Structure formats: structure tokens, C-alpha cells
Amino acid sequence: MRYAAAMFFRGLFLPWVRLAGLWLFWPAVVVVIWGQLTPHPPPAAENQWDKAQHFIAYFGMALLATLGWGRRGRQIWILLGLLAMGGSLEIVQGMVGRGAEWLTQAANTLGALLGTGVAMVYLAIPRSLVDDPPRD
């Protein structure tokens, strides 16, 4: 059991997860920027699930970024960067003919917080499961 946990969390799997986070973060940022700033979004984007879409987008970006760069001390900068990006895009969104809403920024913030938290738990808990206990 301990060997399986070590392989899943510290073996071949974790480096691939971190690499995927690094590579997939930037395309996700481009898609989110396009989605928020396009003056004529796809019809599916203009429905009652708008806040959920923002939550999911920022959850995903925070998860990818924290997995990719999430060493100690960097999580707060990742989170602050995503929150600043979300706020800036909401302001600019009002300038391109779309509505800027505080509730949308709240959805962005909650998504980024939860995404960062989930990634931090993934990166932290496996160490405690896999590492040997200190010896006296």
C-alpha cells in the first residue's frame, strides 16, 4: 500500500501532473481572456450559468498554476495574480460592450481560492502519507 501511494504521489505521476500544470496554464489563460473580452460571446456563455462558468475557469487556472509552480511561498502570488487578472478583465469587459459585475468577480475569487486550496492539499498531504516518520 505504501509503495502504491509513493508511486502515485511521489513517483512517476507527480512530475507529470506538475508538467501538465505548467503547460496547460497558459492556454487556459488565453481562453479565459478571450471568453471574457469577446464582444459577442457564444450563445452558450450567455445563460444563467455565467457565474458557474467563471468559477470553473478560475478554479481550473488556479489548480493548474498551483500544481505547476506551487512551491512554498508562491501560492499567495499565484492567487493574487489570478484575482488581479479577474478584476482587470471585469473592468475591461465593461469597456467592450459587456457588463462588469461584482458577483462575477466573486465567482472568480471563489474559484481561484478553491482551486489553489485543492492543489495545495494534493501537494501537501501526499508527503505526510509517503514520508517515513522521524526516527528517535
C-alpha atoms as a PDB file:
ATOM      1  CA  MET A   1       0.000   0.000   0.000  1.00  0.00           C
ATOM      2  CA  ARG A   2       2.773   2.415   0.958  1.00  0.00           C
ATOM      3  CA  TYR A   3       4.625   1.667  -2.290  1.00  0.00           C
ATOM      4  CA  ALA A   4       1.473   2.361  -4.329  1.00  0.00           C
ATOM      5  CA  ALA A   5       0.973   5.692  -2.566  1.00  0.00           C
ATOM      6  CA  ALA A   6       4.615   6.562  -3.136  1.00  0.00           C
ATOM      7  CA  MET A   7       4.319   5.801  -6.849  1.00  0.00           C
ATOM      8  CA  PHE A   8       1.086   7.764  -7.183  1.00  0.00           C
ATOM      9  CA  PHE A   9       2.147  10.843  -5.264  1.00  0.00           C
ATOM     10  CA  ARG A  10       5.920  10.919  -5.440  1.00  0.00           C
ATOM     11  CA  GLY A  11       6.794   8.511  -8.221  1.00  0.00           C
ATOM     12  CA  LEU A  12       6.178   8.967 -11.902  1.00  0.00           C
ATOM     13  CA  PHE A  13       2.766  10.564 -11.529  1.00  0.00           C
ATOM     14  CA  LEU A  14       3.558  13.799  -9.660  1.00  0.00           C
ATOM     15  CA  PRO A  15       6.163  15.135 -12.118  1.00  0.00           C
ATOM     16  CA  TRP A  16       3.685  14.632 -14.960  1.00  0.00           C
ATOM     17  CA  VAL A  17       0.940  16.420 -13.056  1.00  0.00           C
ATOM     18  CA  ARG A  18       3.267  19.341 -12.381  1.00  0.00           C
ATOM     19  CA  LEU A  19       4.404  19.465 -16.005  1.00  0.00           C
ATOM     20  CA  ALA A  20       0.797  19.365 -17.216  1.00  0.00           C
ATOM     21  CA  GLY A  21       0.005  22.264 -14.897  1.00  0.00           C
ATOM     22  CA  LEU A  22       2.855  24.305 -16.361  1.00  0.00           C
ATOM     23  CA  TRP A  23       1.927  23.609 -19.973  1.00  0.00           C
ATOM     24  CA  LEU A  24      -1.856  23.844 -19.714  1.00  0.00           C
ATOM     25  CA  PHE A  25      -1.992  27.010 -17.610  1.00  0.00           C
ATOM     26  CA  TRP A  26      -1.109  29.423 -20.426  1.00  0.00           C
ATOM     27  CA  PRO A  27      -3.637  28.103 -22.972  1.00  0.00           C
ATOM     28  CA  ALA A  28      -6.258  28.263 -20.216  1.00  0.00           C
ATOM     29  CA  VAL A  29      -5.370  31.922 -19.586  1.00  0.00           C
ATOM     30  CA  VAL A  30      -5.724  32.709 -23.294  1.00  0.00           C
ATOM     31  CA  VAL A  31      -9.136  31.015 -23.479  1.00  0.00           C
ATOM     32  CA  VAL A  32     -10.383  32.814 -20.357  1.00  0.00           C
ATOM     33  CA  ILE A  33      -9.178  36.210 -21.612  1.00  0.00           C
ATOM     34  CA  TRP A  34     -10.835  35.620 -24.974  1.00  0.00           C
ATOM     35  CA  GLY A  35     -14.040  34.426 -23.320  1.00  0.00           C
ATOM     36  CA  GLN A  36     -14.253  37.436 -21.049  1.00  0.00           C
ATOM     37  CA  LEU A  37     -13.331  40.088 -23.603  1.00  0.00           C
ATOM     38  CA  THR A  38     -15.034  38.954 -26.790  1.00  0.00           C
ATOM     39  CA  PRO A  39     -17.842  41.415 -27.534  1.00  0.00           C
ATOM     40  CA  HIS A  40     -20.056  38.630 -28.923  1.00  0.00           C
ATOM     41  CA  PRO A  41     -19.617  35.526 -26.761  1.00  0.00           C
ATOM     42  CA  PRO A  42     -21.016  32.185 -27.904  1.00  0.00           C
ATOM     43  CA  PRO A  43     -24.742  31.830 -27.100  1.00  0.00           C
ATOM     44  CA  ALA A  44     -23.998  29.124 -24.535  1.00  0.00           C
ATOM     45  CA  ALA A  45     -21.985  31.637 -22.491  1.00  0.00           C
ATOM     46  CA  GLU A  46     -24.916  33.982 -22.014  1.00  0.00           C
ATOM     47  CA  ASN A  47     -27.189  31.986 -19.759  1.00  0.00           C
ATOM     48  CA  GLN A  48     -27.920  31.546 -16.080  1.00  0.00           C
ATOM     49  CA  TRP A  49     -24.701  29.550 -15.649  1.00  0.00           C
ATOM     50  CA  ASP A  50     -22.426  32.532 -16.249  1.00  0.00           C
ATOM     51  CA  LYS A  51     -21.187  32.635 -12.642  1.00  0.00           C
ATOM     52  CA  ALA A  52     -20.579  28.888 -12.643  1.00  0.00           C
ATOM     53  CA  GLN A  53     -18.523  29.231 -15.826  1.00  0.00           C
ATOM     54  CA  HIS A  54     -16.394  31.924 -14.203  1.00  0.00           C
ATOM     55  CA  PHE A  55     -15.990  29.813 -11.065  1.00  0.00           C
ATOM     56  CA  ILE A  56     -14.890  26.775 -13.099  1.00  0.00           C
ATOM     57  CA  ALA A  57     -12.490  28.818 -15.247  1.00  0.00           C
ATOM     58  CA  TYR A  58     -10.703  30.376 -12.275  1.00  0.00           C
ATOM     59  CA  PHE A  59     -10.769  27.103 -10.344  1.00  0.00           C
ATOM     60  CA  GLY A  60      -9.019  25.413 -13.265  1.00  0.00           C
ATOM     61  CA  MET A  61      -6.437  28.147 -13.760  1.00  0.00           C
ATOM     62  CA  ALA A  62      -5.613  28.260 -10.032  1.00  0.00           C
ATOM     63  CA  LEU A  63      -5.373  24.474  -9.885  1.00  0.00           C
ATOM     64  CA  LEU A  64      -3.048  24.312 -12.897  1.00  0.00           C
ATOM     65  CA  ALA A  65      -0.877  27.202 -11.742  1.00  0.00           C
ATOM     66  CA  THR A  66      -0.516  25.917  -8.193  1.00  0.00           C
ATOM     67  CA  LEU A  67       0.314  22.410  -9.388  1.00  0.00           C
ATOM     68  CA  GLY A  68       2.832  23.794 -11.864  1.00  0.00           C
ATOM     69  CA  TRP A  69       4.542  26.425  -9.714  1.00  0.00           C
ATOM     70  CA  GLY A  70       3.130  25.735  -6.285  1.00  0.00           C
ATOM     71  CA  ARG A  71       6.198  25.596  -4.149  1.00  0.00           C
ATOM     72  CA  ARG A  72       6.004  27.144  -0.714  1.00  0.00           C
ATOM     73  CA  GLY A  73       5.555  30.867  -0.766  1.00  0.00           C
ATOM     74  CA  ARG A  74       4.386  31.014  -4.361  1.00  0.00           C
ATOM     75  CA  GLN A  75       0.757  30.089  -3.785  1.00  0.00           C
ATOM     76  CA  ILE A  76      -0.164  33.535  -2.499  1.00  0.00           C
ATOM     77  CA  TRP A  77       1.406  35.218  -5.543  1.00  0.00           C
ATOM     78  CA  ILE A  78      -0.396  32.843  -7.889  1.00  0.00           C
ATOM     79  CA  LEU A  79      -3.684  33.559  -6.150  1.00  0.00           C
ATOM     80  CA  LEU A  80      -3.154  37.330  -6.098  1.00  0.00           C
ATOM     81  CA  GLY A  81      -2.174  37.303  -9.778  1.00  0.00           C
ATOM     82  CA  LEU A  82      -5.316  35.437 -10.764  1.00  0.00           C
ATOM     83  CA  LEU A  83      -7.502  37.728  -8.674  1.00  0.00           C
ATOM     84  CA  ALA A  84      -5.881  40.793 -10.236  1.00  0.00           C
ATOM     85  CA  MET A  85      -6.378  39.300 -13.696  1.00  0.00           C
ATOM     86  CA  GLY A  86     -10.037  38.604 -12.964  1.00  0.00           C
ATOM     87  CA  GLY A  87     -10.655  42.096 -11.640  1.00  0.00           C
ATOM     88  CA  SER A  88      -8.843  43.722 -14.550  1.00  0.00           C
ATOM     89  CA  LEU A  89     -10.765  41.658 -17.077  1.00  0.00           C
ATOM     90  CA  GLU A  90     -14.055  42.593 -15.415  1.00  0.00           C
ATOM     91  CA  ILE A  91     -13.172  46.284 -15.727  1.00  0.00           C
ATOM     92  CA  VAL A  92     -12.087  45.927 -19.358  1.00  0.00           C
ATOM     93  CA  GLN A  93     -15.154  43.790 -20.057  1.00  0.00           C
ATOM     94  CA  GLY A  94     -17.298  46.815 -19.269  1.00  0.00           C
ATOM     95  CA  MET A  95     -15.412  48.735 -21.969  1.00  0.00           C
ATOM     96  CA  VAL A  96     -16.035  46.210 -24.753  1.00  0.00           C
ATOM     97  CA  GLY A  97     -19.795  46.328 -24.535  1.00  0.00           C
ATOM     98  CA  ARG A  98     -20.359  43.639 -21.924  1.00  0.00           C
ATOM     99  CA  GLY A  99     -21.450  44.025 -18.345  1.00  0.00           C
ATOM    100  CA  ALA A 100     -18.987  44.078 -15.483  1.00  0.00           C
ATOM    101  CA  GLU A 101     -20.445  42.611 -12.295  1.00  0.00           C
ATOM    102  CA  TRP A 102     -19.250  42.263  -8.731  1.00  0.00           C
ATOM    103  CA  LEU A 103     -20.886  38.832  -8.481  1.00  0.00           C
ATOM    104  CA  THR A 104     -18.789  37.627 -11.396  1.00  0.00           C
ATOM    105  CA  GLN A 105     -15.642  38.768  -9.609  1.00  0.00           C
ATOM    106  CA  ALA A 106     -16.881  36.957  -6.502  1.00  0.00           C
ATOM    107  CA  ALA A 107     -17.257  33.769  -8.575  1.00  0.00           C
ATOM    108  CA  ASN A 108     -13.727  34.294  -9.943  1.00  0.00           C
ATOM    109  CA  THR A 109     -12.392  34.747  -6.413  1.00  0.00           C
ATOM    110  CA  LEU A 110     -14.147  31.683  -5.001  1.00  0.00           C
ATOM    111  CA  GLY A 111     -12.967  29.559  -7.922  1.00  0.00           C
ATOM    112  CA  ALA A 112      -9.372  30.719  -7.539  1.00  0.00           C
ATOM    113  CA  LEU A 113      -9.417  30.161  -3.774  1.00  0.00           C
ATOM    114  CA  LEU A 114     -10.841  26.662  -4.070  1.00  0.00           C
ATOM    115  CA  GLY A 115      -8.552  25.701  -6.966  1.00  0.00           C
ATOM    116  CA  THR A 116      -5.487  26.860  -5.047  1.00  0.00           C
ATOM    117  CA  GLY A 117      -6.682  25.029  -1.939  1.00  0.00           C
ATOM    118  CA  VAL A 118      -7.302  21.743  -3.737  1.00  0.00           C
ATOM    119  CA  ALA A 119      -3.873  21.857  -5.391  1.00  0.00           C
ATOM    120  CA  MET A 120      -2.162  22.725  -2.106  1.00  0.00           C
ATOM    121  CA  VAL A 121      -3.861  19.767  -0.416  1.00  0.00           C
ATOM    122  CA  TYR A 122      -2.746  17.472  -3.241  1.00  0.00           C
ATOM    123  CA  LEU A 123       0.830  18.721  -2.968  1.00  0.00           C
ATOM    124  CA  ALA A 124       0.959  18.651   0.857  1.00  0.00           C
ATOM    125  CA  ILE A 125      -0.945  15.578   2.029  1.00  0.00           C
ATOM    126  CA  PRO A 126       0.928  13.032  -0.076  1.00  0.00           C
ATOM    127  CA  ARG A 127       4.186  13.977   1.622  1.00  0.00           C
ATOM    128  CA  SER A 128       2.734  13.109   5.005  1.00  0.00           C
ATOM    129  CA  LEU A 129       1.349   9.814   3.677  1.00  0.00           C
ATOM    130  CA  VAL A 130       4.528   8.738   1.949  1.00  0.00           C
ATOM    131  CA  ASP A 131       7.397  10.107   4.031  1.00  0.00           C
ATOM    132  CA  ASP A 132       8.804   7.899   6.724  1.00  0.00           C
ATOM    133  CA  PRO A 133       8.099   9.099  10.266  1.00  0.00           C
ATOM    134  CA  PRO A 134      11.065  10.696  12.030  1.00  0.00           C
ATOM    135  CA  ARG A 135      13.152   8.224  13.985  1.00  0.00           C
ATOM    136  CA  ASP A 136      14.324   8.817  17.508  1.00  0.00           C
END
